[in-house]
C-alpha atoms as a PDB file:
ATOM      1  CA  MET A   1      33.226 104.726 173.888  1.00  0.00           C
ATOM      2  CA  ALA A   2      35.691 103.858 171.135  1.00  0.00           C
ATOM      3  CA  LYS A   3      37.093 106.682 169.076  1.00  0.00           C
ATOM      4  CA  LYS A   4      35.644 107.434 165.656  1.00  0.00           C
ATOM      5  CA  ILE A   5      37.920 106.348 162.790  1.00  0.00           C
ATOM      6  CA  ILE A   6      37.584 107.998 159.389  1.00  0.00           C
ATOM      7  CA  LEU A   7      39.633 106.374 156.648  1.00  0.00           C
ATOM      8  CA  GLY A   8      40.077 108.404 153.482  1.00  0.00           C
ATOM      9  CA  PHE A   9      41.398 106.464 150.508  1.00  0.00           C
ATOM     10  CA  VAL A  10      43.478 108.106 147.771  1.00  0.00           C
ATOM     11  CA  GLY A  11      44.895 106.177 144.840  1.00  0.00           C
ATOM     12  CA  GLU A  12      45.073 105.810 141.104  1.00  0.00           C
ATOM     13  CA  MET A  13      42.148 104.363 139.156  1.00  0.00           C
ATOM     14  CA  VAL A  14      41.293 100.813 140.279  1.00  0.00           C
ATOM     15  CA  SER A  15      44.022 100.660 142.918  1.00  0.00           C
ATOM     16  CA  GLY A  16      41.546  99.118 145.382  1.00  0.00           C
ATOM     17  CA  LYS A  17      39.868 102.064 147.092  1.00  0.00           C
ATOM     18  CA  GLY A  18      36.343 100.761 146.520  1.00  0.00           C
ATOM     19  CA  THR A  19      37.349  97.222 147.435  1.00  0.00           C
ATOM     20  CA  ALA A  20      38.835  98.451 150.723  1.00  0.00           C
ATOM     21  CA  CYS A  21      35.646 100.379 151.503  1.00  0.00           C
ATOM     22  CA  LYS A  22      33.476  97.370 150.622  1.00  0.00           C
ATOM     23  CA  TYR A  23      35.510  95.154 152.961  1.00  0.00           C
ATOM     24  CA  LEU A  24      35.157  97.632 155.836  1.00  0.00           C
ATOM     25  CA  LYS A  25      31.419  97.905 155.203  1.00  0.00           C
ATOM     26  CA  GLU A  26      30.985  94.129 155.203  1.00  0.00           C
ATOM     27  CA  LYS A  27      33.167  93.462 158.261  1.00  0.00           C
ATOM     28  CA  TYR A  28      32.521  96.568 160.394  1.00  0.00           C
ATOM     29  CA  ASN A  29      29.315  98.014 158.915  1.00  0.00           C
ATOM     30  CA  ALA A  30      31.333 101.106 157.970  1.00  0.00           C
ATOM     31  CA  PRO A  31      29.400 103.514 155.781  1.00  0.00           C
ATOM     32  CA  SER A  32      31.253 104.809 152.746  1.00  0.00           C
ATOM     33  CA  TYR A  33      31.169 108.275 151.262  1.00  0.00           C
ATOM     34  CA  ARG A  34      32.374 108.529 147.702  1.00  0.00           C
ATOM     35  CA  PHE A  35      33.236 111.732 145.890  1.00  0.00           C
ATOM     36  CA  SER A  36      31.953 110.322 142.609  1.00  0.00           C
ATOM     37  CA  THR A  37      28.484 109.639 144.089  1.00  0.00           C
ATOM     38  CA  ILE A  38      27.684 113.340 143.853  1.00  0.00           C
ATOM     39  CA  LEU A  39      28.725 113.346 140.185  1.00  0.00           C
ATOM     40  CA  ARG A  40      26.828 110.151 139.394  1.00  0.00           C
ATOM     41  CA  ASP A  41      23.680 111.568 141.022  1.00  0.00           C
ATOM     42  CA  VAL A  42      23.835 114.748 138.939  1.00  0.00           C
ATOM     43  CA  LEU A  43      24.578 112.913 135.680  1.00  0.00           C
ATOM     44  CA  ASP A  44      21.754 110.474 136.366  1.00  0.00           C
ATOM     45  CA  ARG A  45      19.348 113.321 137.089  1.00  0.00           C
ATOM     46  CA  LEU A  46      20.376 115.006 133.820  1.00  0.00           C
ATOM     47  CA  TYR A  47      19.914 111.718 131.924  1.00  0.00           C
ATOM     48  CA  LEU A  48      23.546 111.796 130.807  1.00  0.00           C
ATOM     49  CA  GLU A  49      25.727 108.748 130.423  1.00  0.00           C
ATOM     50  CA  ILE A  50      27.709 107.914 133.536  1.00  0.00           C
ATOM     51  CA  ASN A  51      31.207 107.558 132.141  1.00  0.00           C
ATOM     52  CA  ARG A  52      34.609 108.798 133.223  1.00  0.00           C
ATOM     53  CA  LYS A  53      34.700 111.707 130.729  1.00  0.00           C
ATOM     54  CA  ASN A  54      31.329 113.094 131.839  1.00  0.00           C
ATOM     55  CA  MET A  55      32.260 112.750 135.514  1.00  0.00           C
ATOM     56  CA  GLN A  56      35.581 114.526 134.945  1.00  0.00           C
ATOM     57  CA  ASN A  57      33.892 117.350 133.009  1.00  0.00           C
ATOM     58  CA  LEU A  58      31.154 117.809 135.608  1.00  0.00           C
ATOM     59  CA  SER A  59      33.679 117.764 138.443  1.00  0.00           C
ATOM     60  CA  MET A  60      35.747 120.459 136.759  1.00  0.00           C
ATOM     61  CA  ILE A  61      32.686 122.636 136.073  1.00  0.00           C
ATOM     62  CA  LEU A  62      31.425 122.391 139.644  1.00  0.00           C
ATOM     63  CA  ARG A  63      34.835 123.061 141.195  1.00  0.00           C
ATOM     64  CA  GLN A  64      35.515 126.018 138.885  1.00  0.00           C
ATOM     65  CA  ASN A  65      32.144 127.589 139.606  1.00  0.00           C
ATOM     66  CA  PHE A  66      31.556 126.705 143.259  1.00  0.00           C
ATOM     67  CA  ASN A  67      35.068 126.453 144.745  1.00  0.00           C
ATOM     68  CA  GLU A  68      37.785 123.823 144.499  1.00  0.00           C
ATOM     69  CA  ASN A  69      36.731 122.207 147.766  1.00  0.00           C
ATOM     70  CA  ILE A  70      32.953 122.029 147.163  1.00  0.00           C
ATOM     71  CA  PHE A  71      32.963 118.214 147.300  1.00  0.00           C
ATOM     72  CA  ALA A  72      35.188 118.210 150.387  1.00  0.00           C
ATOM     73  CA  LYS A  73      32.695 120.354 152.249  1.00  0.00           C
ATOM     74  CA  VAL A  74      29.788 118.035 151.423  1.00  0.00           C
ATOM     75  CA  ILE A  75      31.684 114.864 152.315  1.00  0.00           C
ATOM     76  CA  ALA A  76      33.031 116.336 155.579  1.00  0.00           C
ATOM     77  CA  GLU A  77      29.535 117.352 156.703  1.00  0.00           C
ATOM     78  CA  ASP A  78      28.194 113.890 155.860  1.00  0.00           C
ATOM     79  CA  VAL A  79      31.038 112.242 157.804  1.00  0.00           C
ATOM     80  CA  LYS A  80      30.613 114.515 160.839  1.00  0.00           C
ATOM     81  CA  ASN A  81      26.892 113.758 160.985  1.00  0.00           C
ATOM     82  CA  ASP A  82      27.350 110.000 160.703  1.00  0.00           C
ATOM     83  CA  PRO A  83      27.325 108.230 164.103  1.00  0.00           C
ATOM     84  CA  ALA A  84      29.254 105.153 162.881  1.00  0.00           C
ATOM     85  CA  GLN A  85      32.537 104.287 164.621  1.00  0.00           C
ATOM     86  CA  ILE A  86      34.377 103.486 161.363  1.00  0.00           C
ATOM     87  CA  ILE A  87      33.658 105.536 158.232  1.00  0.00           C
ATOM     88  CA  THR A  88      35.320 105.360 154.833  1.00  0.00           C
ATOM     89  CA  VAL A  89      35.795 108.077 152.237  1.00  0.00           C
ATOM     90  CA  ASP A  90      36.432 106.715 148.774  1.00  0.00           C
ATOM     91  CA  GLY A  91      38.006 108.583 145.907  1.00  0.00           C
ATOM     92  CA  VAL A  92      40.119 111.329 147.447  1.00  0.00           C
ATOM     93  CA  ARG A  93      42.020 112.869 144.522  1.00  0.00           C
ATOM     94  CA  ARG A  94      43.178 116.334 145.529  1.00  0.00           C
ATOM     95  CA  LEU A  95      44.517 118.077 148.599  1.00  0.00           C
ATOM     96  CA  ALA A  96      41.355 120.200 148.437  1.00  0.00           C
ATOM     97  CA  ASP A  97      39.337 116.996 148.945  1.00  0.00           C
ATOM     98  CA  ILE A  98      40.732 116.598 152.449  1.00  0.00           C
ATOM     99  CA  SER A  99      40.743 120.288 153.402  1.00  0.00           C
ATOM    100  CA  TYR A 100      37.785 119.775 155.745  1.00  0.00           C
ATOM    101  CA  LEU A 101      38.274 116.095 156.546  1.00  0.00           C
ATOM    102  CA  LYS A 102      41.728 116.577 158.039  1.00  0.00           C
ATOM    103  CA  GLU A 103      40.179 118.886 160.639  1.00  0.00           C
ATOM    104  CA  ILE A 104      37.965 116.084 161.951  1.00  0.00           C
ATOM    105  CA  PRO A 105      39.522 114.076 164.813  1.00  0.00           C
ATOM    106  CA  GLY A 106      40.156 110.466 163.810  1.00  0.00           C
ATOM    107  CA  PHE A 107      40.761 111.140 160.098  1.00  0.00           C
ATOM    108  CA  TYR A 108      43.518 109.122 158.408  1.00  0.00           C
ATOM    109  CA  LEU A 109      44.491 109.345 154.759  1.00  0.00           C
ATOM    110  CA  ILE A 110      45.557 106.027 153.217  1.00  0.00           C
ATOM    111  CA  TYR A 111      47.336 105.871 149.861  1.00  0.00           C
ATOM    112  CA  LEU A 112      46.472 102.743 147.869  1.00  0.00           C
ATOM    113  CA  THR A 113      48.778 101.933 145.004  1.00  0.00           C
ATOM    114  CA  ALA A 114      49.073  99.068 142.522  1.00  0.00           C
ATOM    115  CA  ASP A 115      51.046  98.337 139.372  1.00  0.00           C
ATOM    116  CA  GLU A 116      49.642  99.804 136.160  1.00  0.00           C
ATOM    117  CA  LYS A 117      49.051  96.471 134.350  1.00  0.00           C
ATOM    118  CA  ILE A 118      47.199  95.068 137.372  1.00  0.00           C
ATOM    119  CA  ARG A 119      44.998  98.156 137.545  1.00  0.00           C
ATOM    120  CA  TYR A 120      44.239  97.965 133.820  1.00  0.00           C
ATOM    121  CA  GLN A 121      43.053  94.355 134.135  1.00  0.00           C
ATOM    122  CA  ARG A 122      40.912  95.321 137.113  1.00  0.00           C
ATOM    123  CA  ILE A 123      39.154  98.112 135.206  1.00  0.00           C
ATOM    124  CA  ILE A 124      38.296  95.733 132.357  1.00  0.00           C
ATOM    125  CA  ASP A 125      37.063  93.048 134.772  1.00  0.00           C
ATOM    126  CA  ARG A 126      35.062  95.494 136.864  1.00  0.00           C
ATOM    127  CA  GLY A 127      33.304  97.440 134.098  1.00  0.00           C
ATOM    128  CA  GLU A 128      31.893  99.998 136.546  1.00  0.00           C
ATOM    129  CA  ASN A 129      31.517 102.774 133.962  1.00  0.00           C
ATOM    130  CA  THR A 130      29.882 102.311 130.589  1.00  0.00           C
ATOM    131  CA  ASP A 131      33.188 102.876 128.795  1.00  0.00           C
ATOM    132  CA  ASP A 132      35.361 100.498 130.882  1.00  0.00           C
ATOM    133  CA  LYS A 133      34.733  97.043 129.389  1.00  0.00           C
ATOM    134  CA  ASN A 134      36.197  97.792 125.945  1.00  0.00           C
ATOM    135  CA  LYS A 135      38.982 100.119 127.048  1.00  0.00           C
ATOM    136  CA  THR A 136      42.398  99.547 125.498  1.00  0.00           C
ATOM    137  CA  PHE A 137      45.592  99.745 127.531  1.00  0.00           C
ATOM    138  CA  ALA A 138      46.560 102.895 125.577  1.00  0.00           C
ATOM    139  CA  GLU A 139      43.220 104.542 126.458  1.00  0.00           C
ATOM    140  CA  PHE A 140      43.710 103.542 130.089  1.00  0.00           C
ATOM    141  CA  GLN A 141      47.159 105.152 130.101  1.00  0.00           C
ATOM    142  CA  VAL A 142      45.759 108.390 128.607  1.00  0.00           C
ATOM    143  CA  GLU A 143      42.985 108.513 131.229  1.00  0.00           C
ATOM    144  CA  GLN A 144      45.575 108.306 134.004  1.00  0.00           C
ATOM    145  CA  HIS A 145      46.817 111.739 132.938  1.00  0.00           C
ATOM    146  CA  ALA A 146      43.403 113.402 132.869  1.00  0.00           C
ATOM    147  CA  GLU A 147      42.920 116.505 135.010  1.00  0.00           C
ATOM    148  CA  ALA A 148      41.033 114.517 137.642  1.00  0.00           C
ATOM    149  CA  GLU A 149      43.996 112.182 138.113  1.00  0.00           C
ATOM    150  CA  ASN A 150      46.856 114.727 138.191  1.00  0.00           C
ATOM    151  CA  GLU A 151      46.887 115.431 141.917  1.00  0.00           C
ATOM    152  CA  ILE A 152      46.565 111.842 143.147  1.00  0.00           C
ATOM    153  CA  GLY A 153      50.339 111.319 143.470  1.00  0.00           C
ATOM    154  CA  PRO A 154      51.047 114.533 145.405  1.00  0.00           C
ATOM    155  CA  THR A 155      47.980 113.954 147.595  1.00  0.00           C
ATOM    156  CA  GLY A 156      49.062 110.351 148.217  1.00  0.00           C
ATOM    157  CA  GLN A 157      52.439 111.617 149.398  1.00  0.00           C
ATOM    158  CA  THR A 158      50.683 113.369 152.300  1.00  0.00           C
ATOM    159  CA  ALA A 159      48.979 110.140 153.430  1.00  0.00           C
ATOM    160  CA  ASN A 160      49.388 108.808 156.939  1.00  0.00           C
ATOM    161  CA  LEU A 161      49.672 105.230 155.661  1.00  0.00           C
ATOM    162  CA  THR A 162      50.279 103.384 152.364  1.00  0.00           C
ATOM    163  CA  ILE A 163      48.963 100.066 151.044  1.00  0.00           C
ATOM    164  CA  THR A 164      50.528  98.395 148.010  1.00  0.00           C
ATOM    165  CA  ASN A 165      47.691  96.385 146.496  1.00  0.00           C
ATOM    166  CA  ASN A 166      49.303  94.076 143.937  1.00  0.00           C
ATOM    167  CA  GLY A 167      48.225  90.858 145.590  1.00  0.00           C
ATOM    168  CA  THR A 168      45.089  88.991 146.498  1.00  0.00           C
ATOM    169  CA  LEU A 169      41.938  90.249 148.160  1.00  0.00           C
ATOM    170  CA  ALA A 170      42.970  88.439 151.348  1.00  0.00           C
ATOM    171  CA  GLU A 171      46.327  90.259 151.336  1.00  0.00           C
ATOM    172  CA  LEU A 172      44.558  93.618 150.961  1.00  0.00           C
ATOM    173  CA  GLN A 173      42.225  92.766 153.836  1.00  0.00           C
ATOM    174  CA  GLU A 174      45.191  91.769 156.000  1.00  0.00           C
ATOM    175  CA  GLN A 175      46.855  95.130 155.355  1.00  0.00           C
ATOM    176  CA  ILE A 176      43.624  96.951 156.274  1.00  0.00           C
ATOM    177  CA  GLU A 177      43.404  95.004 159.543  1.00  0.00           C
ATOM    178  CA  LYS A 178      47.004  95.938 160.392  1.00  0.00           C
ATOM    179  CA  ILE A 179      46.163  99.596 159.812  1.00  0.00           C
ATOM    180  CA  LEU A 180      43.087  99.407 162.047  1.00  0.00           C
ATOM    181  CA  LYS A 181      45.147  97.747 164.765  1.00  0.00           C
ATOM    182  CA  LYS A 182      47.835 100.432 164.479  1.00  0.00           C
ATOM    183  CA  ILE A 183      45.229 103.218 164.689  1.00  0.00           C
ATOM    184  CA  ASN A 184      43.492 101.639 167.688  1.00  0.00           C
ATOM    185  CA  GLU A 185      46.830 101.279 169.496  1.00  0.00           C
ATOM    186  CA  SER A 186      47.771 104.927 168.953  1.00  0.00           C
END
């Protein structure tokens, strides 16, 4: 039986984490666990707007009241219970987020990075949150320094592997394939 591979993706906003997970799901049927899913579920249940500010506030409240690694514990349990051979974890932001994941055999942290202007254009094009489509570059720059974003750089520095995602979708996919090959050969 092939070894289980768990790929955790850390990176600044719209650096390509979700795109990488989508590719792995489409090509390898890899399920994806996303830290923000928990937040989106709660906000939806409370009939609150799903925007970056509300997700950041809810995340802070939950972590302050239920432990810094509350999301890490949930995600790690989900990953351990999933029988898939390749699993992705989208949206790692803090070292606390991987506190449980790094104990699971086959876990690799991948740092995705991309130039700021490229990421800004992606957020406008994507429009995932209600407040993304009309965001100015200045607002985007301010959001990058929000509490939820502060630990991405230091967490990324602990990554096993790095992908610079300034190019095309095909170039990103090629880099992912190289990583999978490297992991399978180790």
